[in-house]
Amino acid sequence: MTAPRKVAPEHTLYVSRFASWAPGLAGKDQWLEWAAGNRQISLSGEGPGLDFPEPRWQGMTPGEVKMFKRRLSQVSKMAVQVVHELLPVREDTGMVFLSFRGEIARQYKINRMLIEEGDISPAAFSLSVFNTPAAAASIAFNLTAGYSAIYPAGNRFAHGFLAGAAPVLCGDREEILLVYADERCPPEYGGLCPLNHEPLAFGIILAYRQEDASIPVPLIPETLPALESPREFLKYLYCYGRAAS
């Protein structure tokens, strides 16, 4: 049995690639404007079209692809989109899905159905569970290395990030595909919606090896503020190239 790989004492991880999606933003220039505070994400229920070439959809006929996409929520579509942009990945690259709200729009509909009708349909329930976005991406692209779905403890992104990075930090995996996604909070929740509830998704390839274009993520107090929220972390990724140049 091979001994676990030793991790460097500074515990620096590296983002070799990343991708993001949000309504109202398209292209790197607009994302850089957003990172600088000069552009906003649209607070809408729009999702990506998922208009990928057919070979990307593993083992599905065109009709099945059409039905598959039609059934996905905003958060699941966003997760599938960012995973697609990071393909291909290694066969042993597992996925970690992070979210603060999960399938909140479907959960709201189920709660309303229970109140008004006293019952829910099995189909509605099956697509409302927290791990639906990760499962949808795994099915769409035949990702067989497994996935985990994590709700960050204490509503802190850093806790979810470190939990997701654990397989790399302990030497069990050389890299992981970490996906964050949250959809728009239903307006019916009113003041119960969190302050930052605009839809946003991103995916990263997180590894222990540094490559030429890798972005370092030192797990030290000076850089941990970038992990306080998914938005701050994504801004860090977009702004790193500017700061390093």
C-alpha atoms as a PDB file:
ATOM      1  CA  MET A   1       0.000   0.000   0.000  1.00  0.00           C
ATOM      2  CA  THR A   2       1.404   3.402  -0.994  1.00  0.00           C
ATOM      3  CA  ALA A   3       2.039   5.795   1.880  1.00  0.00           C
ATOM      4  CA  PRO A   4       0.053   9.062   1.846  1.00  0.00           C
ATOM      5  CA  ARG A   5       1.820  11.933   0.113  1.00  0.00           C
ATOM      6  CA  LYS A   6       3.310  14.544   2.432  1.00  0.00           C
ATOM      7  CA  VAL A   7       1.864  18.035   2.022  1.00  0.00           C
ATOM      8  CA  ALA A   8       4.131  21.072   1.969  1.00  0.00           C
ATOM      9  CA  PRO A   9       4.328  22.720   5.418  1.00  0.00           C
ATOM     10  CA  GLU A  10       2.934  26.023   4.105  1.00  0.00           C
ATOM     11  CA  HIS A  11      -0.265  24.223   3.034  1.00  0.00           C
ATOM     12  CA  THR A  12      -0.514  26.101  -0.221  1.00  0.00           C
ATOM     13  CA  LEU A  13      -3.027  24.759  -2.708  1.00  0.00           C
ATOM     14  CA  TYR A  14      -3.265  25.778  -6.346  1.00  0.00           C
ATOM     15  CA  VAL A  15      -6.173  26.560  -8.641  1.00  0.00           C
ATOM     16  CA  SER A  16      -5.060  25.355 -12.052  1.00  0.00           C
ATOM     17  CA  ARG A  17      -8.308  26.309 -13.849  1.00  0.00           C
ATOM     18  CA  PHE A  18     -11.585  27.990 -12.971  1.00  0.00           C
ATOM     19  CA  ALA A  19     -14.875  28.904 -14.642  1.00  0.00           C
ATOM     20  CA  SER A  20     -17.852  30.985 -13.539  1.00  0.00           C
ATOM     21  CA  TRP A  21     -21.413  31.747 -14.603  1.00  0.00           C
ATOM     22  CA  ALA A  22     -24.008  34.281 -13.487  1.00  0.00           C
ATOM     23  CA  PRO A  23     -26.874  36.042 -15.271  1.00  0.00           C
ATOM     24  CA  GLY A  24     -25.923  39.425 -16.660  1.00  0.00           C
ATOM     25  CA  LEU A  25     -22.218  38.650 -17.029  1.00  0.00           C
ATOM     26  CA  ALA A  26     -20.498  37.280 -20.121  1.00  0.00           C
ATOM     27  CA  GLY A  27     -16.813  37.109 -20.979  1.00  0.00           C
ATOM     28  CA  LYS A  28     -13.709  37.760 -18.926  1.00  0.00           C
ATOM     29  CA  ASP A  29     -13.865  41.550 -19.268  1.00  0.00           C
ATOM     30  CA  GLN A  30     -17.297  41.740 -17.675  1.00  0.00           C
ATOM     31  CA  TRP A  31     -16.216  39.386 -14.897  1.00  0.00           C
ATOM     32  CA  LEU A  32     -13.197  41.584 -14.218  1.00  0.00           C
ATOM     33  CA  GLU A  33     -15.513  44.609 -14.027  1.00  0.00           C
ATOM     34  CA  TRP A  34     -17.648  42.701 -11.539  1.00  0.00           C
ATOM     35  CA  ALA A  35     -14.586  41.781  -9.474  1.00  0.00           C
ATOM     36  CA  ALA A  36     -13.619  45.460  -9.390  1.00  0.00           C
ATOM     37  CA  GLY A  37     -17.110  46.436  -8.212  1.00  0.00           C
ATOM     38  CA  ASN A  38     -18.107  48.106 -11.480  1.00  0.00           C
ATOM     39  CA  ARG A  39     -20.741  45.616 -12.674  1.00  0.00           C
ATOM     40  CA  GLN A  40     -23.539  43.715 -10.962  1.00  0.00           C
ATOM     41  CA  ILE A  41     -24.960  40.224 -11.320  1.00  0.00           C
ATOM     42  CA  SER A  42     -28.538  40.255 -12.547  1.00  0.00           C
ATOM     43  CA  LEU A  43     -31.028  39.191  -9.871  1.00  0.00           C
ATOM     44  CA  SER A  44     -32.986  36.949 -12.203  1.00  0.00           C
ATOM     45  CA  GLY A  45     -33.959  33.323 -12.526  1.00  0.00           C
ATOM     46  CA  GLU A  46     -32.148  32.967 -15.859  1.00  0.00           C
ATOM     47  CA  GLY A  47     -29.963  29.921 -16.317  1.00  0.00           C
ATOM     48  CA  PRO A  48     -27.373  28.947 -18.944  1.00  0.00           C
ATOM     49  CA  GLY A  49     -28.674  27.358 -22.133  1.00  0.00           C
ATOM     50  CA  LEU A  50     -26.394  24.301 -21.866  1.00  0.00           C
ATOM     51  CA  ASP A  51     -26.065  24.227 -25.643  1.00  0.00           C
ATOM     52  CA  PHE A  52     -23.070  21.897 -25.718  1.00  0.00           C
ATOM     53  CA  PRO A  53     -22.077  19.675 -28.642  1.00  0.00           C
ATOM     54  CA  GLU A  54     -23.942  16.378 -28.446  1.00  0.00           C
ATOM     55  CA  PRO A  55     -20.827  14.235 -27.739  1.00  0.00           C
ATOM     56  CA  ARG A  56     -20.490  15.998 -24.374  1.00  0.00           C
ATOM     57  CA  TRP A  57     -23.731  14.396 -23.219  1.00  0.00           C
ATOM     58  CA  GLN A  58     -22.555  10.920 -22.333  1.00  0.00           C
ATOM     59  CA  GLY A  59     -24.897   8.148 -23.404  1.00  0.00           C
ATOM     60  CA  MET A  60     -27.923  10.389 -24.078  1.00  0.00           C
ATOM     61  CA  THR A  61     -29.990  10.678 -27.220  1.00  0.00           C
ATOM     62  CA  PRO A  62     -30.942  14.187 -28.452  1.00  0.00           C
ATOM     63  CA  GLY A  63     -34.447  13.674 -27.060  1.00  0.00           C
ATOM     64  CA  GLU A  64     -33.100  12.623 -23.669  1.00  0.00           C
ATOM     65  CA  VAL A  65     -30.773  15.630 -23.597  1.00  0.00           C
ATOM     66  CA  LYS A  66     -33.697  17.958 -24.292  1.00  0.00           C
ATOM     67  CA  MET A  67     -35.777  16.409 -21.491  1.00  0.00           C
ATOM     68  CA  PHE A  68     -32.793  16.405 -19.123  1.00  0.00           C
ATOM     69  CA  LYS A  69     -32.137  20.132 -19.617  1.00  0.00           C
ATOM     70  CA  ARG A  70     -35.812  21.045 -19.321  1.00  0.00           C
ATOM     71  CA  ARG A  71     -36.056  19.441 -15.879  1.00  0.00           C
ATOM     72  CA  LEU A  72     -33.032  21.242 -14.385  1.00  0.00           C
ATOM     73  CA  SER A  73     -33.391  24.230 -12.063  1.00  0.00           C
ATOM     74  CA  GLN A  74     -31.291  27.383 -12.232  1.00  0.00           C
ATOM     75  CA  VAL A  75     -28.763  26.127  -9.676  1.00  0.00           C
ATOM     76  CA  SER A  76     -28.378  22.757 -11.409  1.00  0.00           C
ATOM     77  CA  LYS A  77     -27.963  24.379 -14.824  1.00  0.00           C
ATOM     78  CA  MET A  78     -25.288  26.699 -13.456  1.00  0.00           C
ATOM     79  CA  ALA A  79     -23.418  23.810 -11.855  1.00  0.00           C
ATOM     80  CA  VAL A  80     -23.554  21.758 -15.064  1.00  0.00           C
ATOM     81  CA  GLN A  81     -22.332  24.785 -17.052  1.00  0.00           C
ATOM     82  CA  VAL A  82     -19.215  25.464 -14.967  1.00  0.00           C
ATOM     83  CA  VAL A  83     -18.318  21.773 -14.810  1.00  0.00           C
ATOM     84  CA  HIS A  84     -18.577  21.594 -18.601  1.00  0.00           C
ATOM     85  CA  GLU A  85     -16.186  24.533 -18.956  1.00  0.00           C
ATOM     86  CA  LEU A  86     -13.575  22.678 -16.885  1.00  0.00           C
ATOM     87  CA  LEU A  87     -13.679  19.436 -18.861  1.00  0.00           C
ATOM     88  CA  PRO A  88     -11.800  17.256 -19.403  1.00  0.00           C
ATOM     89  CA  VAL A  89     -10.792  16.164 -15.920  1.00  0.00           C
ATOM     90  CA  ARG A  90      -8.849  13.121 -14.785  1.00  0.00           C
ATOM     91  CA  GLU A  91     -10.817   9.918 -14.270  1.00  0.00           C
ATOM     92  CA  ASP A  92      -9.933   9.939 -10.562  1.00  0.00           C
ATOM     93  CA  THR A  93     -10.865  13.594  -9.992  1.00  0.00           C
ATOM     94  CA  GLY A  94     -13.750  13.641  -7.529  1.00  0.00           C
ATOM     95  CA  MET A  95     -16.240  16.491  -7.276  1.00  0.00           C
ATOM     96  CA  VAL A  96     -17.163  18.536  -4.211  1.00  0.00           C
ATOM     97  CA  PHE A  97     -20.343  20.616  -4.417  1.00  0.00           C
ATOM     98  CA  LEU A  98     -20.818  23.567  -2.031  1.00  0.00           C
ATOM     99  CA  SER A  99     -23.999  25.572  -1.607  1.00  0.00           C
ATOM    100  CA  PHE A 100     -25.759  27.666   1.026  1.00  0.00           C
ATOM    101  CA  ARG A 101     -29.274  27.258  -0.375  1.00  0.00           C
ATOM    102  CA  GLY A 102     -29.217  24.275  -2.735  1.00  0.00           C
ATOM    103  CA  GLU A 103     -32.449  23.719  -4.670  1.00  0.00           C
ATOM    104  CA  ILE A 104     -34.246  26.475  -2.779  1.00  0.00           C
ATOM    105  CA  ALA A 105     -36.763  27.317  -5.529  1.00  0.00           C
ATOM    106  CA  ARG A 106     -37.895  23.687  -5.762  1.00  0.00           C
ATOM    107  CA  GLN A 107     -37.968  23.411  -1.979  1.00  0.00           C
ATOM    108  CA  TYR A 108     -40.226  26.466  -1.832  1.00  0.00           C
ATOM    109  CA  LYS A 109     -42.594  24.889  -4.371  1.00  0.00           C
ATOM    110  CA  ILE A 110     -42.701  21.672  -2.348  1.00  0.00           C
ATOM    111  CA  ASN A 111     -43.466  23.559   0.866  1.00  0.00           C
ATOM    112  CA  ARG A 112     -46.237  25.434  -0.906  1.00  0.00           C
ATOM    113  CA  MET A 113     -47.594  22.170  -2.351  1.00  0.00           C
ATOM    114  CA  LEU A 114     -47.653  20.608   1.110  1.00  0.00           C
ATOM    115  CA  ILE A 115     -49.537  23.594   2.541  1.00  0.00           C
ATOM    116  CA  GLU A 116     -52.040  23.919  -0.288  1.00  0.00           C
ATOM    117  CA  GLU A 117     -52.503  20.287  -1.361  1.00  0.00           C
ATOM    118  CA  GLY A 118     -51.243  18.268   1.577  1.00  0.00           C
ATOM    119  CA  ASP A 119     -49.055  16.092  -0.669  1.00  0.00           C
ATOM    120  CA  ILE A 120     -46.075  16.222  -3.032  1.00  0.00           C
ATOM    121  CA  SER A 121     -45.165  14.281  -6.137  1.00  0.00           C
ATOM    122  CA  PRO A 122     -42.151  11.906  -6.054  1.00  0.00           C
ATOM    123  CA  ALA A 123     -40.739  13.579  -9.186  1.00  0.00           C
ATOM    124  CA  ALA A 124     -40.825  17.024  -7.567  1.00  0.00           C
ATOM    125  CA  PHE A 125     -39.117  15.703  -4.444  1.00  0.00           C
ATOM    126  CA  SER A 126     -36.390  13.780  -6.274  1.00  0.00           C
ATOM    127  CA  LEU A 127     -35.091  16.951  -7.958  1.00  0.00           C
ATOM    128  CA  SER A 128     -35.255  19.075  -4.812  1.00  0.00           C
ATOM    129  CA  VAL A 129     -32.571  17.315  -2.766  1.00  0.00           C
ATOM    130  CA  PHE A 130     -29.358  19.150  -1.915  1.00  0.00           C
ATOM    131  CA  ASN A 131     -27.037  17.029  -4.068  1.00  0.00           C
ATOM    132  CA  THR A 132     -29.120  17.367  -7.277  1.00  0.00           C
ATOM    133  CA  PRO A 133     -26.682  19.783  -9.050  1.00  0.00           C
ATOM    134  CA  ALA A 134     -23.677  17.510  -8.446  1.00  0.00           C
ATOM    135  CA  ALA A 135     -25.641  14.434  -9.499  1.00  0.00           C
ATOM    136  CA  ALA A 136     -26.850  16.170 -12.666  1.00  0.00           C
ATOM    137  CA  ALA A 137     -23.298  17.115 -13.675  1.00  0.00           C
ATOM    138  CA  SER A 138     -22.046  13.596 -12.961  1.00  0.00           C
ATOM    139  CA  ILE A 139     -24.788  12.086 -15.119  1.00  0.00           C
ATOM    140  CA  ALA A 140     -24.379  14.599 -17.944  1.00  0.00           C
ATOM    141  CA  PHE A 141     -20.639  14.056 -18.332  1.00  0.00           C
ATOM    142  CA  ASN A 142     -20.217  10.513 -16.995  1.00  0.00           C
ATOM    143  CA  LEU A 143     -18.031  11.572 -14.086  1.00  0.00           C
ATOM    144  CA  THR A 144     -17.432   8.349 -12.200  1.00  0.00           C
ATOM    145  CA  ALA A 145     -14.971   9.346  -9.449  1.00  0.00           C
ATOM    146  CA  GLY A 146     -17.783  10.235  -7.044  1.00  0.00           C
ATOM    147  CA  TYR A 147     -18.896  13.462  -5.419  1.00  0.00           C
ATOM    148  CA  SER A 148     -19.656  15.029  -2.050  1.00  0.00           C
ATOM    149  CA  ALA A 149     -22.260  17.701  -1.318  1.00  0.00           C
ATOM    150  CA  ILE A 150     -21.404  20.075   1.535  1.00  0.00           C
ATOM    151  CA  TYR A 151     -23.330  22.790   3.361  1.00  0.00           C
ATOM    152  CA  PRO A 152     -20.636  25.055   4.890  1.00  0.00           C
ATOM    153  CA  ALA A 153     -20.809  25.090   8.680  1.00  0.00           C
ATOM    154  CA  GLY A 154     -21.731  28.399  10.236  1.00  0.00           C
ATOM    155  CA  ASN A 155     -22.597  29.820   6.805  1.00  0.00           C
ATOM    156  CA  ARG A 156     -18.879  30.317   6.195  1.00  0.00           C
ATOM    157  CA  PHE A 157     -17.463  29.475   2.790  1.00  0.00           C
ATOM    158  CA  ALA A 158     -14.017  28.829   4.308  1.00  0.00           C
ATOM    159  CA  HIS A 159     -15.375  25.847   6.247  1.00  0.00           C
ATOM    160  CA  GLY A 160     -16.815  24.286   3.104  1.00  0.00           C
ATOM    161  CA  PHE A 161     -13.684  25.034   1.102  1.00  0.00           C
ATOM    162  CA  LEU A 162     -11.393  23.390   3.648  1.00  0.00           C
ATOM    163  CA  ALA A 163     -13.679  20.371   3.967  1.00  0.00           C
ATOM    164  CA  GLY A 164     -13.704  20.012   0.197  1.00  0.00           C
ATOM    165  CA  ALA A 165      -9.929  20.441  -0.006  1.00  0.00           C
ATOM    166  CA  ALA A 166      -9.288  17.780   2.655  1.00  0.00           C
ATOM    167  CA  PRO A 167      -8.626  14.926   0.160  1.00  0.00           C
ATOM    168  CA  VAL A 168      -5.900  17.033  -1.470  1.00  0.00           C
ATOM    169  CA  LEU A 169      -4.470  18.292   1.821  1.00  0.00           C
ATOM    170  CA  CYS A 170      -4.161  14.785   3.272  1.00  0.00           C
ATOM    171  CA  GLY A 171      -2.710  13.314   0.089  1.00  0.00           C
ATOM    172  CA  ASP A 172      -5.639  11.102  -0.861  1.00  0.00           C
ATOM    173  CA  ARG A 173      -6.247  12.954  -4.162  1.00  0.00           C
ATOM    174  CA  GLU A 174      -3.914  14.967  -6.383  1.00  0.00           C
ATOM    175  CA  GLU A 175      -6.758  17.270  -7.392  1.00  0.00           C
ATOM    176  CA  ILE A 176     -10.481  17.804  -6.922  1.00  0.00           C
ATOM    177  CA  LEU A 177     -13.194  19.567  -8.872  1.00  0.00           C
ATOM    178  CA  LEU A 178     -14.795  21.998  -6.426  1.00  0.00           C
ATOM    179  CA  VAL A 179     -18.096  23.564  -7.506  1.00  0.00           C
ATOM    180  CA  TYR A 180     -19.992  26.327  -5.729  1.00  0.00           C
ATOM    181  CA  ALA A 181     -23.499  27.312  -6.853  1.00  0.00           C
ATOM    182  CA  ASP A 182     -26.463  29.184  -5.407  1.00  0.00           C
ATOM    183  CA  GLU A 183     -29.556  30.258  -7.293  1.00  0.00           C
ATOM    184  CA  ARG A 184     -31.747  33.301  -6.798  1.00  0.00           C
ATOM    185  CA  CYS A 185     -33.676  33.236  -3.559  1.00  0.00           C
ATOM    186  CA  PRO A 186     -37.431  33.152  -4.310  1.00  0.00           C
ATOM    187  CA  PRO A 187     -38.841  36.678  -3.823  1.00  0.00           C
ATOM    188  CA  GLU A 188     -41.647  35.177  -1.709  1.00  0.00           C
ATOM    189  CA  TYR A 189     -39.149  34.822   1.143  1.00  0.00           C
ATOM    190  CA  GLY A 190     -38.896  38.624   1.347  1.00  0.00           C
ATOM    191  CA  GLY A 191     -36.721  39.743   4.236  1.00  0.00           C
ATOM    192  CA  LEU A 192     -35.695  36.163   4.951  1.00  0.00           C
ATOM    193  CA  CYS A 193     -33.531  36.187   1.823  1.00  0.00           C
ATOM    194  CA  PRO A 194     -29.822  36.662   2.616  1.00  0.00           C
ATOM    195  CA  LEU A 195     -28.145  39.944   1.734  1.00  0.00           C
ATOM    196  CA  ASN A 196     -26.137  38.412  -1.112  1.00  0.00           C
ATOM    197  CA  HIS A 197     -28.673  36.199  -2.812  1.00  0.00           C
ATOM    198  CA  GLU A 198     -27.957  36.886  -6.466  1.00  0.00           C
ATOM    199  CA  PRO A 199     -27.378  33.690  -8.493  1.00  0.00           C
ATOM    200  CA  LEU A 200     -23.735  32.698  -8.938  1.00  0.00           C
ATOM    201  CA  ALA A 201     -21.741  29.574  -9.738  1.00  0.00           C
ATOM    202  CA  PHE A 202     -18.096  28.763 -10.241  1.00  0.00           C
ATOM    203  CA  GLY A 203     -15.921  25.698 -10.472  1.00  0.00           C
ATOM    204  CA  ILE A 204     -12.213  25.235  -9.802  1.00  0.00           C
ATOM    205  CA  ILE A 205      -9.644  22.502 -10.248  1.00  0.00           C
ATOM    206  CA  LEU A 206      -7.880  22.508  -6.885  1.00  0.00           C
ATOM    207  CA  ALA A 207      -4.532  20.713  -6.771  1.00  0.00           C
ATOM    208  CA  TYR A 208      -1.396  20.388  -4.653  1.00  0.00           C
ATOM    209  CA  ARG A 209       0.948  20.735  -7.651  1.00  0.00           C
ATOM    210  CA  GLN A 210       1.770  24.145  -9.085  1.00  0.00           C
ATOM    211  CA  GLU A 211       1.498  24.598 -12.837  1.00  0.00           C
ATOM    212  CA  ASP A 212       2.604  27.531 -14.995  1.00  0.00           C
ATOM    213  CA  ALA A 213      -0.729  29.367 -14.807  1.00  0.00           C
ATOM    214  CA  SER A 214      -1.796  28.181 -11.348  1.00  0.00           C
ATOM    215  CA  ILE A 215      -3.227  30.617  -8.807  1.00  0.00           C
ATOM    216  CA  PRO A 216      -1.859  29.930  -5.316  1.00  0.00           C
ATOM    217  CA  VAL A 217      -4.226  29.719  -2.348  1.00  0.00           C
ATOM    218  CA  PRO A 218      -2.009  29.842   0.776  1.00  0.00           C
ATOM    219  CA  LEU A 219      -3.996  28.623   3.776  1.00  0.00           C
ATOM    220  CA  ILE A 220      -2.546  31.223   6.127  1.00  0.00           C
ATOM    221  CA  PRO A 221      -4.265  34.026   8.098  1.00  0.00           C
ATOM    222  CA  GLU A 222      -3.251  36.701   5.584  1.00  0.00           C
ATOM    223  CA  THR A 223      -5.172  35.090   2.717  1.00  0.00           C
ATOM    224  CA  LEU A 224      -8.040  33.430   4.572  1.00  0.00           C
ATOM    225  CA  PRO A 225     -10.234  36.578   4.250  1.00  0.00           C
ATOM    226  CA  ALA A 226     -10.528  35.663   0.555  1.00  0.00           C
ATOM    227  CA  LEU A 227     -12.316  32.514   1.714  1.00  0.00           C
ATOM    228  CA  GLU A 228     -14.908  34.288   3.826  1.00  0.00           C
ATOM    229  CA  SER A 229     -17.477  34.179   1.025  1.00  0.00           C
ATOM    230  CA  PRO A 230     -17.716  32.610  -2.435  1.00  0.00           C
ATOM    231  CA  ARG A 231     -17.866  36.094  -3.969  1.00  0.00           C
ATOM    232  CA  GLU A 232     -14.657  37.226  -2.280  1.00  0.00           C
ATOM    233  CA  PHE A 233     -12.904  34.036  -3.331  1.00  0.00           C
ATOM    234  CA  LEU A 234     -13.995  34.407  -6.956  1.00  0.00           C
ATOM    235  CA  LYS A 235     -12.883  38.048  -6.929  1.00  0.00           C
ATOM    236  CA  TYR A 236      -9.509  36.858  -5.633  1.00  0.00           C
ATOM    237  CA  LEU A 237      -9.195  34.462  -8.565  1.00  0.00           C
ATOM    238  CA  TYR A 238     -10.074  37.103 -11.158  1.00  0.00           C
ATOM    239  CA  CYS A 239      -7.897  39.800  -9.592  1.00  0.00           C
ATOM    240  CA  TYR A 240      -4.847  37.604  -8.957  1.00  0.00           C
ATOM    241  CA  GLY A 241      -3.603  37.851 -12.538  1.00  0.00           C
ATOM    242  CA  ARG A 242      -3.788  41.632 -12.468  1.00  0.00           C
ATOM    243  CA  ALA A 243      -1.955  41.849  -9.144  1.00  0.00           C
ATOM    244  CA  ALA A 244       0.754  39.423 -10.260  1.00  0.00           C
ATOM    245  CA  SER A 245       1.391  41.171 -13.589  1.00  0.00           C
END
